[in-house]
Amino acid sequence: GVSRIHVINILERPGIPEVTIETEGQAKAGDKVIVRCTCS
């Protein structure tokens, strides 16, 4: 017989994002705060 192969690349949807604050303690006015968003 004759044949042909078709390749479909699989795309993965991103997961639910997670937000974390990397600054310890309470943030006061004028402090620098690091906010990190992570998505796998």
PDB file of all heavy atoms in Angstrom:
ATOM      1  N   GLY A   1       0.820  -1.202   0.000  1.00  0.00           N
ATOM      2  CA  GLY A   1       0.000   0.000   0.000  1.00  0.00           C
ATOM      3  C   GLY A   1       0.860   1.259   0.000  1.00  0.00           C
ATOM      4  O   GLY A   1       2.083   1.196   0.087  1.00  0.00           O
ATOM      5  N   VAL A   2       0.210   2.396  -0.116  1.00  0.00           N
ATOM      6  CA  VAL A   2       0.907   3.678  -0.012  1.00  0.00           C
ATOM      7  C   VAL A   2       0.416   4.375   1.250  1.00  0.00           C
ATOM      8  O   VAL A   2      -0.726   4.189   1.673  1.00  0.00           O
ATOM      9  CB  VAL A   2       0.680   4.580  -1.253  1.00  0.00           C
ATOM     10  CG1 VAL A   2       1.323   3.978  -2.482  1.00  0.00           C
ATOM     11  CG2 VAL A   2      -0.790   4.826  -1.495  1.00  0.00           C
ATOM     12  N   SER A   3       1.289   5.177   1.863  1.00  0.00           N
ATOM     13  CA  SER A   3       0.883   5.847   3.089  1.00  0.00           C
ATOM     14  C   SER A   3       1.596   7.185   3.230  1.00  0.00           C
ATOM     15  O   SER A   3       2.579   7.460   2.545  1.00  0.00           O
ATOM     16  CB  SER A   3       1.169   4.974   4.308  1.00  0.00           C
ATOM     17  OG  SER A   3       2.561   4.823   4.502  1.00  0.00           O
ATOM     18  N   ARG A   4       1.057   7.975   4.131  1.00  0.00           N
ATOM     19  CA  ARG A   4       1.642   9.287   4.452  1.00  0.00           C
ATOM     20  C   ARG A   4       1.424   9.496   5.940  1.00  0.00           C
ATOM     21  O   ARG A   4       0.363   9.201   6.477  1.00  0.00           O
ATOM     22  CB  ARG A   4       0.950  10.372   3.635  1.00  0.00           C
ATOM     23  CG  ARG A   4       1.241  11.791   4.002  1.00  0.00           C
ATOM     24  CD  ARG A   4       2.452  12.394   3.376  1.00  0.00           C
ATOM     25  NE  ARG A   4       2.696  11.999   2.018  1.00  0.00           N
ATOM     26  CZ  ARG A   4       3.186  12.796   1.110  1.00  0.00           C
ATOM     27  NH1 ARG A   4       3.447  14.030   1.402  1.00  0.00           N
ATOM     28  NH2 ARG A   4       3.440  12.365  -0.092  1.00  0.00           N
ATOM     29  N   ILE A   5       2.433  10.043   6.613  1.00  0.00           N
ATOM     30  CA  ILE A   5       2.349  10.324   8.050  1.00  0.00           C
ATOM     31  C   ILE A   5       2.176  11.821   8.253  1.00  0.00           C
ATOM     32  O   ILE A   5       2.880  12.625   7.645  1.00  0.00           O
ATOM     33  CB  ILE A   5       3.603   9.816   8.787  1.00  0.00           C
ATOM     34  CG1 ILE A   5       3.640   8.290   8.730  1.00  0.00           C
ATOM     35  CG2 ILE A   5       3.610  10.298  10.240  1.00  0.00           C
ATOM     36  CD1 ILE A   5       4.882   7.663   9.341  1.00  0.00           C
ATOM     37  N   HIS A   6       1.220  12.173   9.101  1.00  0.00           N
ATOM     38  CA  HIS A   6       0.984  13.566   9.485  1.00  0.00           C
ATOM     39  C   HIS A   6       1.358  13.700  10.961  1.00  0.00           C
ATOM     40  O   HIS A   6       0.894  12.922  11.793  1.00  0.00           O
ATOM     41  CB  HIS A   6      -0.488  13.940   9.271  1.00  0.00           C
ATOM     42  CG  HIS A   6      -0.799  15.364   9.573  1.00  0.00           C
ATOM     43  ND1 HIS A   6      -0.534  16.380   8.688  1.00  0.00           N
ATOM     44  CD2 HIS A   6      -1.328  15.946  10.671  1.00  0.00           C
ATOM     45  CE1 HIS A   6      -0.911  17.531   9.225  1.00  0.00           C
ATOM     46  NE2 HIS A   6      -1.396  17.289  10.427  1.00  0.00           N
ATOM     47  N   VAL A   7       2.218  14.652  11.267  1.00  0.00           N
ATOM     48  CA  VAL A   7       2.669  14.858  12.638  1.00  0.00           C
ATOM     49  C   VAL A   7       1.956  16.072  13.218  1.00  0.00           C
ATOM     50  O   VAL A   7       1.953  17.146  12.621  1.00  0.00           O
ATOM     51  CB  VAL A   7       4.206  15.069  12.697  1.00  0.00           C
ATOM     52  CG1 VAL A   7       4.654  15.348  14.125  1.00  0.00           C
ATOM     53  CG2 VAL A   7       4.931  13.845  12.144  1.00  0.00           C
ATOM     54  N   ILE A   8       1.347  15.882  14.395  1.00  0.00           N
ATOM     55  CA  ILE A   8       0.685  16.974  15.108  1.00  0.00           C
ATOM     56  C   ILE A   8       1.504  17.269  16.355  1.00  0.00           C
ATOM     57  O   ILE A   8       1.680  16.395  17.214  1.00  0.00           O
ATOM     58  CB  ILE A   8      -0.755  16.599  15.517  1.00  0.00           C
ATOM     59  CG1 ILE A   8      -1.592  16.254  14.291  1.00  0.00           C
ATOM     60  CG2 ILE A   8      -1.396  17.729  16.314  1.00  0.00           C
ATOM     61  CD1 ILE A   8      -2.958  15.691  14.621  1.00  0.00           C
ATOM     62  N   ASN A   9       2.031  18.475  16.439  1.00  0.00           N
ATOM     63  CA  ASN A   9       2.771  18.877  17.636  1.00  0.00           C
ATOM     64  C   ASN A   9       1.785  19.140  18.768  1.00  0.00           C
ATOM     65  O   ASN A   9       0.740  19.740  18.561  1.00  0.00           O
ATOM     66  CB  ASN A   9       3.611  20.127  17.363  1.00  0.00           C
ATOM     67  CG  ASN A   9       4.756  19.813  16.424  1.00  0.00           C
ATOM     68  OD1 ASN A   9       5.496  18.867  16.639  1.00  0.00           O
ATOM     69  ND2 ASN A   9       4.879  20.580  15.363  1.00  0.00           N
ATOM     70  N   ILE A  10       2.142  18.697  19.967  1.00  0.00           N
ATOM     71  CA  ILE A  10       1.263  18.844  21.121  1.00  0.00           C
ATOM     72  C   ILE A  10       1.620  20.121  21.868  1.00  0.00           C
ATOM     73  O   ILE A  10       2.759  20.305  22.301  1.00  0.00           O
ATOM     74  CB  ILE A  10       1.381  17.626  22.060  1.00  0.00           C
ATOM     75  CG1 ILE A  10       0.951  16.364  21.321  1.00  0.00           C
ATOM     76  CG2 ILE A  10       0.552  17.838  23.327  1.00  0.00           C
ATOM     77  CD1 ILE A  10       1.170  15.083  22.093  1.00  0.00           C
ATOM     78  N   LEU A  11       0.633  21.006  21.979  1.00  0.00           N
ATOM     79  CA  LEU A  11       0.804  22.242  22.733  1.00  0.00           C
ATOM     80  C   LEU A  11       0.278  22.019  24.146  1.00  0.00           C
ATOM     81  O   LEU A  11      -0.774  21.415  24.328  1.00  0.00           O
ATOM     82  CB  LEU A  11       0.028  23.385  22.071  1.00  0.00           C
ATOM     83  CG  LEU A  11       0.336  23.650  20.594  1.00  0.00           C
ATOM     84  CD1 LEU A  11      -0.613  24.713  20.056  1.00  0.00           C
ATOM     85  CD2 LEU A  11       1.773  24.090  20.433  1.00  0.00           C
ATOM     86  N   GLU A  12       1.009  22.505  25.128  1.00  0.00           N
ATOM     87  CA  GLU A  12       0.551  22.369  26.506  1.00  0.00           C
ATOM     88  C   GLU A  12       0.080  23.716  27.007  1.00  0.00           C
ATOM     89  O   GLU A  12       0.805  24.706  26.932  1.00  0.00           O
ATOM     90  CB  GLU A  12       1.669  21.829  27.386  1.00  0.00           C
ATOM     91  CG  GLU A  12       2.010  20.392  27.071  1.00  0.00           C
ATOM     92  CD  GLU A  12       2.911  19.777  28.113  1.00  0.00           C
ATOM     93  OE1 GLU A  12       2.601  19.888  29.313  1.00  0.00           O
ATOM     94  OE2 GLU A  12       3.932  19.209  27.724  1.00  0.00           O
ATOM     95  N   ARG A  13      -1.130  23.705  27.521  1.00  0.00           N
ATOM     96  CA  ARG A  13      -1.680  24.933  28.072  1.00  0.00           C
ATOM     97  C   ARG A  13      -0.932  25.272  29.356  1.00  0.00           C
ATOM     98  O   ARG A  13      -0.529  24.379  30.101  1.00  0.00           O
ATOM     99  CB  ARG A  13      -3.162  24.759  28.392  1.00  0.00           C
ATOM    100  CG  ARG A  13      -4.013  24.679  27.165  1.00  0.00           C
ATOM    101  CD  ARG A  13      -5.494  24.740  27.565  1.00  0.00           C
ATOM    102  NE  ARG A  13      -6.323  24.872  26.398  1.00  0.00           N
ATOM    103  CZ  ARG A  13      -6.961  23.876  25.820  1.00  0.00           C
ATOM    104  NH1 ARG A  13      -6.868  22.677  26.315  1.00  0.00           N
ATOM    105  NH2 ARG A  13      -7.694  24.087  24.759  1.00  0.00           N
ATOM    106  N   PRO A  14      -0.795  26.561  29.641  1.00  0.00           N
ATOM    107  CA  PRO A  14      -0.149  26.928  30.896  1.00  0.00           C
ATOM    108  C   PRO A  14      -1.050  26.583  32.082  1.00  0.00           C
ATOM    109  O   PRO A  14      -2.273  26.547  31.945  1.00  0.00           O
ATOM    110  CB  PRO A  14       0.041  28.445  30.769  1.00  0.00           C
ATOM    111  CG  PRO A  14      -0.955  28.882  29.762  1.00  0.00           C
ATOM    112  CD  PRO A  14      -1.148  27.718  28.841  1.00  0.00           C
ATOM    113  N   GLY A  15      -0.425  26.328  33.225  1.00  0.00           N
ATOM    114  CA  GLY A  15      -1.178  26.041  34.437  1.00  0.00           C
ATOM    115  C   GLY A  15      -1.700  27.334  35.058  1.00  0.00           C
ATOM    116  O   GLY A  15      -1.462  28.448  34.556  1.00  0.00           O
ATOM    117  N   ILE A  16      -2.387  27.213  36.168  1.00  0.00           N
ATOM    118  CA  ILE A  16      -2.928  28.379  36.882  1.00  0.00           C
ATOM    119  C   ILE A  16      -1.768  29.140  37.504  1.00  0.00           C
ATOM    120  O   ILE A  16      -0.896  28.551  38.150  1.00  0.00           O
ATOM    121  CB  ILE A  16      -3.929  27.923  37.961  1.00  0.00           C
ATOM    122  CG1 ILE A  16      -5.105  27.218  37.278  1.00  0.00           C
ATOM    123  CG2 ILE A  16      -4.391  29.091  38.819  1.00  0.00           C
ATOM    124  CD1 ILE A  16      -6.065  26.568  38.226  1.00  0.00           C
ATOM    125  N   PRO A  17      -1.729  30.452  37.319  1.00  0.00           N
ATOM    126  CA  PRO A  17      -0.614  31.218  37.868  1.00  0.00           C
ATOM    127  C   PRO A  17      -0.677  31.278  39.399  1.00  0.00           C
ATOM    128  O   PRO A  17      -1.746  31.213  39.994  1.00  0.00           O
ATOM    129  CB  PRO A  17      -0.794  32.607  37.256  1.00  0.00           C
ATOM    130  CG  PRO A  17      -2.223  32.684  36.871  1.00  0.00           C
ATOM    131  CD  PRO A  17      -2.665  31.292  36.575  1.00  0.00           C
ATOM    132  N   GLU A  18       0.508  31.383  39.976  1.00  0.00           N
ATOM    133  CA  GLU A  18       0.619  31.490  41.431  1.00  0.00           C
ATOM    134  C   GLU A  18       1.392  32.768  41.740  1.00  0.00           C
ATOM    135  O   GLU A  18       2.458  33.002  41.177  1.00  0.00           O
ATOM    136  CB  GLU A  18       1.359  30.264  41.972  1.00  0.00           C
ATOM    137  CG  GLU A  18       1.476  30.237  43.469  1.00  0.00           C
ATOM    138  CD  GLU A  18       2.221  28.993  43.930  1.00  0.00           C
ATOM    139  OE1 GLU A  18       1.876  27.890  43.483  1.00  0.00           O
ATOM    140  OE2 GLU A  18       3.150  29.159  44.732  1.00  0.00           O
ATOM    141  N   VAL A  19       0.843  33.588  42.615  1.00  0.00           N
ATOM    142  CA  VAL A  19       1.478  34.848  42.971  1.00  0.00           C
ATOM    143  C   VAL A  19       2.026  34.736  44.392  1.00  0.00           C
ATOM    144  O   VAL A  19       1.326  34.299  45.304  1.00  0.00           O
ATOM    145  CB  VAL A  19       0.475  36.026  42.879  1.00  0.00           C
ATOM    146  CG1 VAL A  19       1.134  37.321  43.302  1.00  0.00           C
ATOM    147  CG2 VAL A  19      -0.078  36.136  41.468  1.00  0.00           C
ATOM    148  N   THR A  20       3.296  35.114  44.564  1.00  0.00           N
ATOM    149  CA  THR A  20       3.924  35.110  45.889  1.00  0.00           C
ATOM    150  C   THR A  20       4.613  36.445  46.133  1.00  0.00           C
ATOM    151  O   THR A  20       5.065  37.114  45.201  1.00  0.00           O
ATOM    152  CB  THR A  20       4.954  33.973  46.014  1.00  0.00           C
ATOM    153  OG1 THR A  20       5.919  34.102  44.975  1.00  0.00           O
ATOM    154  CG2 THR A  20       4.295  32.608  45.929  1.00  0.00           C
ATOM    155  N   ILE A  21       4.692  36.822  47.399  1.00  0.00           N
ATOM    156  CA  ILE A  21       5.416  38.031  47.789  1.00  0.00           C
ATOM    157  C   ILE A  21       6.667  37.569  48.505  1.00  0.00           C
ATOM    158  O   ILE A  21       6.599  36.778  49.452  1.00  0.00           O
ATOM    159  CB  ILE A  21       4.548  38.932  48.711  1.00  0.00           C
ATOM    160  CG1 ILE A  21       3.300  39.375  47.940  1.00  0.00           C
ATOM    161  CG2 ILE A  21       5.358  40.111  49.221  1.00  0.00           C
ATOM    162  CD1 ILE A  21       2.313  40.153  48.768  1.00  0.00           C
ATOM    163  N   GLU A  22       7.819  38.053  48.040  1.00  0.00           N
ATOM    164  CA  GLU A  22       9.086  37.582  48.573  1.00  0.00           C
ATOM    165  C   GLU A  22       9.650  38.478  49.671  1.00  0.00           C
ATOM    166  O   GLU A  22      10.737  38.241  50.151  1.00  0.00           O
ATOM    167  CB  GLU A  22      10.090  37.419  47.427  1.00  0.00           C
ATOM    168  CG  GLU A  22       9.668  36.319  46.466  1.00  0.00           C
ATOM    169  CD  GLU A  22      10.730  35.972  45.457  1.00  0.00           C
ATOM    170  OE1 GLU A  22      11.844  36.501  45.535  1.00  0.00           O
ATOM    171  OE2 GLU A  22      10.429  35.163  44.565  1.00  0.00           O
ATOM    172  N   THR A  23       8.940  39.507  50.049  1.00  0.00           N
ATOM    173  CA  THR A  23       9.406  40.391  51.098  1.00  0.00           C
ATOM    174  C   THR A  23       8.910  39.853  52.437  1.00  0.00           C
ATOM    175  O   THR A  23       7.738  39.502  52.573  1.00  0.00           O
ATOM    176  CB  THR A  23       8.866  41.817  50.873  1.00  0.00           C
ATOM    177  OG1 THR A  23       9.231  42.211  49.560  1.00  0.00           O
ATOM    178  CG2 THR A  23       9.408  42.779  51.900  1.00  0.00           C
ATOM    179  N   GLU A  24       9.825  39.784  53.408  1.00  0.00           N
ATOM    180  CA  GLU A  24       9.425  39.273  54.718  1.00  0.00           C
ATOM    181  C   GLU A  24       8.808  40.381  55.554  1.00  0.00           C
ATOM    182  O   GLU A  24       9.188  41.544  55.459  1.00  0.00           O
ATOM    183  CB  GLU A  24      10.642  38.691  55.433  1.00  0.00           C
ATOM    184  CG  GLU A  24      11.149  37.427  54.760  1.00  0.00           C
ATOM    185  CD  GLU A  24      12.304  36.811  55.533  1.00  0.00           C
ATOM    186  OE1 GLU A  24      12.398  37.030  56.739  1.00  0.00           O
ATOM    187  OE2 GLU A  24      13.084  36.114  54.883  1.00  0.00           O
ATOM    188  N   GLY A  25       7.899  39.971  56.368  1.00  0.00           N
ATOM    189  CA  GLY A  25       7.273  40.939  57.263  1.00  0.00           C
ATOM    190  C   GLY A  25       6.243  41.776  56.542  1.00  0.00           C
ATOM    191  O   GLY A  25       5.830  41.495  55.422  1.00  0.00           O
ATOM    192  N   GLN A  26       5.861  42.855  57.216  1.00  0.00           N
ATOM    193  CA  GLN A  26       4.858  43.746  56.646  1.00  0.00           C
ATOM    194  C   GLN A  26       5.523  44.784  55.758  1.00  0.00           C
ATOM    195  O   GLN A  26       6.631  45.235  56.039  1.00  0.00           O
ATOM    196  CB  GLN A  26       4.092  44.454  57.761  1.00  0.00           C
ATOM    197  CG  GLN A  26       3.225  43.504  58.548  1.00  0.00           C
ATOM    198  CD  GLN A  26       2.395  44.255  59.582  1.00  0.00           C
ATOM    199  OE1 GLN A  26       2.716  45.388  59.937  1.00  0.00           O
ATOM    200  NE2 GLN A  26       1.343  43.624  60.047  1.00  0.00           N
ATOM    201  N   ALA A  27       4.831  45.148  54.708  1.00  0.00           N
ATOM    202  CA  ALA A  27       5.349  46.170  53.799  1.00  0.00           C
ATOM    203  C   ALA A  27       4.889  47.525  54.311  1.00  0.00           C
ATOM    204  O   ALA A  27       3.722  47.717  54.638  1.00  0.00           O
ATOM    205  CB  ALA A  27       4.837  45.922  52.392  1.00  0.00           C
ATOM    206  N   LYS A  28       5.844  48.438  54.401  1.00  0.00           N
ATOM    207  CA  LYS A  28       5.528  49.794  54.830  1.00  0.00           C
ATOM    208  C   LYS A  28       5.662  50.713  53.642  1.00  0.00           C
ATOM    209  O   LYS A  28       6.389  50.419  52.691  1.00  0.00           O
ATOM    210  CB  LYS A  28       6.485  50.226  55.932  1.00  0.00           C
ATOM    211  CG  LYS A  28       6.381  49.383  57.173  1.00  0.00           C
ATOM    212  CD  LYS A  28       7.368  49.860  58.198  1.00  0.00           C
ATOM    213  CE  LYS A  28       7.345  48.905  59.384  1.00  0.00           C
ATOM    214  NZ  LYS A  28       8.460  49.089  60.246  1.00  0.00           N
ATOM    215  N   ALA A  29       4.987  51.827  53.699  1.00  0.00           N
ATOM    216  CA  ALA A  29       5.056  52.802  52.618  1.00  0.00           C
ATOM    217  C   ALA A  29       6.512  53.135  52.335  1.00  0.00           C
ATOM    218  O   ALA A  29       7.294  53.390  53.241  1.00  0.00           O
ATOM    219  CB  ALA A  29       4.280  54.060  52.989  1.00  0.00           C
ATOM    220  N   GLY A  30       6.910  53.074  51.059  1.00  0.00           N
ATOM    221  CA  GLY A  30       8.274  53.377  50.629  1.00  0.00           C
ATOM    222  C   GLY A  30       9.156  52.151  50.525  1.00  0.00           C
ATOM    223  O   GLY A  30      10.238  52.213  49.948  1.00  0.00           O
ATOM    224  N   ASP A  31       8.746  50.997  51.105  1.00  0.00           N
ATOM    225  CA  ASP A  31       9.539  49.770  50.994  1.00  0.00           C
ATOM    226  C   ASP A  31       9.413  49.199  49.586  1.00  0.00           C
ATOM    227  O   ASP A  31       8.382  49.348  48.924  1.00  0.00           O
ATOM    228  CB  ASP A  31       9.042  48.702  51.979  1.00  0.00           C
ATOM    229  CG  ASP A  31       9.388  48.986  53.424  1.00  0.00           C
ATOM    230  OD1 ASP A  31      10.158  49.938  53.660  1.00  0.00           O
ATOM    231  OD2 ASP A  31       8.882  48.252  54.297  1.00  0.00           O
ATOM    232  N   LYS A  32      10.466  48.530  49.155  1.00  0.00           N
ATOM    233  CA  LYS A  32      10.404  47.796  47.885  1.00  0.00           C
ATOM    234  C   LYS A  32       9.885  46.399  48.175  1.00  0.00           C
ATOM    235  O   LYS A  32      10.366  45.738  49.074  1.00  0.00           O
ATOM    236  CB  LYS A  32      11.771  47.730  47.221  1.00  0.00           C
ATOM    237  CG  LYS A  32      12.221  49.083  46.739  1.00  0.00           C
ATOM    238  CD  LYS A  32      13.465  48.976  45.908  1.00  0.00           C
ATOM    239  CE  LYS A  32      13.829  50.376  45.445  1.00  0.00           C
ATOM    240  NZ  LYS A  32      14.963  50.391  44.583  1.00  0.00           N
ATOM    241  N   VAL A  33       8.875  45.999  47.394  1.00  0.00           N
ATOM    242  CA  VAL A  33       8.241  44.699  47.568  1.00  0.00           C
ATOM    243  C   VAL A  33       8.429  43.899  46.277  1.00  0.00           C
ATOM    244  O   VAL A  33       8.189  44.397  45.181  1.00  0.00           O
ATOM    245  CB  VAL A  33       6.733  44.868  47.866  1.00  0.00           C
ATOM    246  CG1 VAL A  33       6.063  43.512  47.998  1.00  0.00           C
ATOM    247  CG2 VAL A  33       6.516  45.703  49.122  1.00  0.00           C
ATOM    248  N   ILE A  34       8.859  42.666  46.421  1.00  0.00           N
ATOM    249  CA  ILE A  34       9.023  41.792  45.234  1.00  0.00           C
ATOM    250  C   ILE A  34       7.809  40.885  45.161  1.00  0.00           C
ATOM    251  O   ILE A  34       7.549  40.104  46.068  1.00  0.00           O
ATOM    252  CB  ILE A  34      10.328  40.962  45.316  1.00  0.00           C
ATOM    253  CG1 ILE A  34      11.544  41.893  45.343  1.00  0.00           C
ATOM    254  CG2 ILE A  34      10.397  39.974  44.156  1.00  0.00           C
ATOM    255  CD1 ILE A  34      12.851  41.171  45.561  1.00  0.00           C
ATOM    256  N   VAL A  35       7.073  41.033  44.062  1.00  0.00           N
ATOM    257  CA  VAL A  35       5.911  40.190  43.799  1.00  0.00           C
ATOM    258  C   VAL A  35       6.272  39.301  42.612  1.00  0.00           C
ATOM    259  O   VAL A  35       6.678  39.782  41.561  1.00  0.00           O
ATOM    260  CB  VAL A  35       4.664  41.041  43.474  1.00  0.00           C
ATOM    261  CG1 VAL A  35       3.489  40.138  43.178  1.00  0.00           C
ATOM    262  CG2 VAL A  35       4.353  41.988  44.610  1.00  0.00           C
ATOM    263  N   ARG A  36       6.160  37.987  42.791  1.00  0.00           N
ATOM    264  CA  ARG A  36       6.552  37.043  41.718  1.00  0.00           C
ATOM    265  C   ARG A  36       5.322  36.247  41.280  1.00  0.00           C
ATOM    266  O   ARG A  36       4.595  35.726  42.104  1.00  0.00           O
ATOM    267  CB  ARG A  36       7.636  36.107  42.233  1.00  0.00           C
ATOM    268  CG  ARG A  36       8.152  35.174  41.167  1.00  0.00           C
ATOM    269  CD  ARG A  36       9.288  34.323  41.680  1.00  0.00           C
ATOM    270  NE  ARG A  36      10.327  35.155  42.275  1.00  0.00           N
ATOM    271  CZ  ARG A  36      11.504  35.439  41.708  1.00  0.00           C
ATOM    272  NH1 ARG A  36      11.759  34.966  40.517  1.00  0.00           N
ATOM    273  NH2 ARG A  36      12.392  36.178  42.321  1.00  0.00           N
ATOM    274  N   CYS A  37       5.153  36.170  39.949  1.00  0.00           N
ATOM    275  CA  CYS A  37       4.083  35.375  39.349  1.00  0.00           C
ATOM    276  C   CYS A  37       4.742  34.173  38.670  1.00  0.00           C
ATOM    277  O   CYS A  37       5.624  34.336  37.842  1.00  0.00           O
ATOM    278  CB  CYS A  37       3.299  36.199  38.328  1.00  0.00           C
ATOM    279  SG  CYS A  37       1.991  35.262  37.532  1.00  0.00           S
ATOM    280  N   THR A  38       4.292  32.978  39.031  1.00  0.00           N
ATOM    281  CA  THR A  38       4.864  31.746  38.472  1.00  0.00           C
ATOM    282  C   THR A  38       3.759  30.935  37.812  1.00  0.00           C
ATOM    283  O   THR A  38       2.661  30.802  38.351  1.00  0.00           O
ATOM    284  CB  THR A  38       5.505  30.893  39.597  1.00  0.00           C
ATOM    285  OG1 THR A  38       6.423  31.699  40.331  1.00  0.00           O
ATOM    286  CG2 THR A  38       6.220  29.701  39.028  1.00  0.00           C
ATOM    287  N   CYS A  39       4.090  30.423  36.638  1.00  0.00           N
ATOM    288  CA  CYS A  39       3.137  29.601  35.898  1.00  0.00           C
ATOM    289  C   CYS A  39       3.918  28.472  35.255  1.00  0.00           C
ATOM    290  O   CYS A  39       4.946  28.702  34.621  1.00  0.00           O
ATOM    291  CB  CYS A  39       2.447  30.457  34.836  1.00  0.00           C
ATOM    292  SG  CYS A  39       1.264  29.529  33.880  1.00  0.00           S
ATOM    293  N   SER A  40       3.435  27.244  35.413  1.00  0.00           N
ATOM    294  CA  SER A  40       4.139  26.126  34.778  1.00  0.00           C
ATOM    295  C   SER A  40       3.342  25.656  33.560  1.00  0.00           C
ATOM    296  O   SER A  40       2.141  25.860  33.474  1.00  0.00           O
ATOM    297  CB  SER A  40       4.304  24.975  35.784  1.00  0.00           C
ATOM    298  OG  SER A  40       3.056  24.559  36.250  1.00  0.00           O
TER     299      SER A  40
END
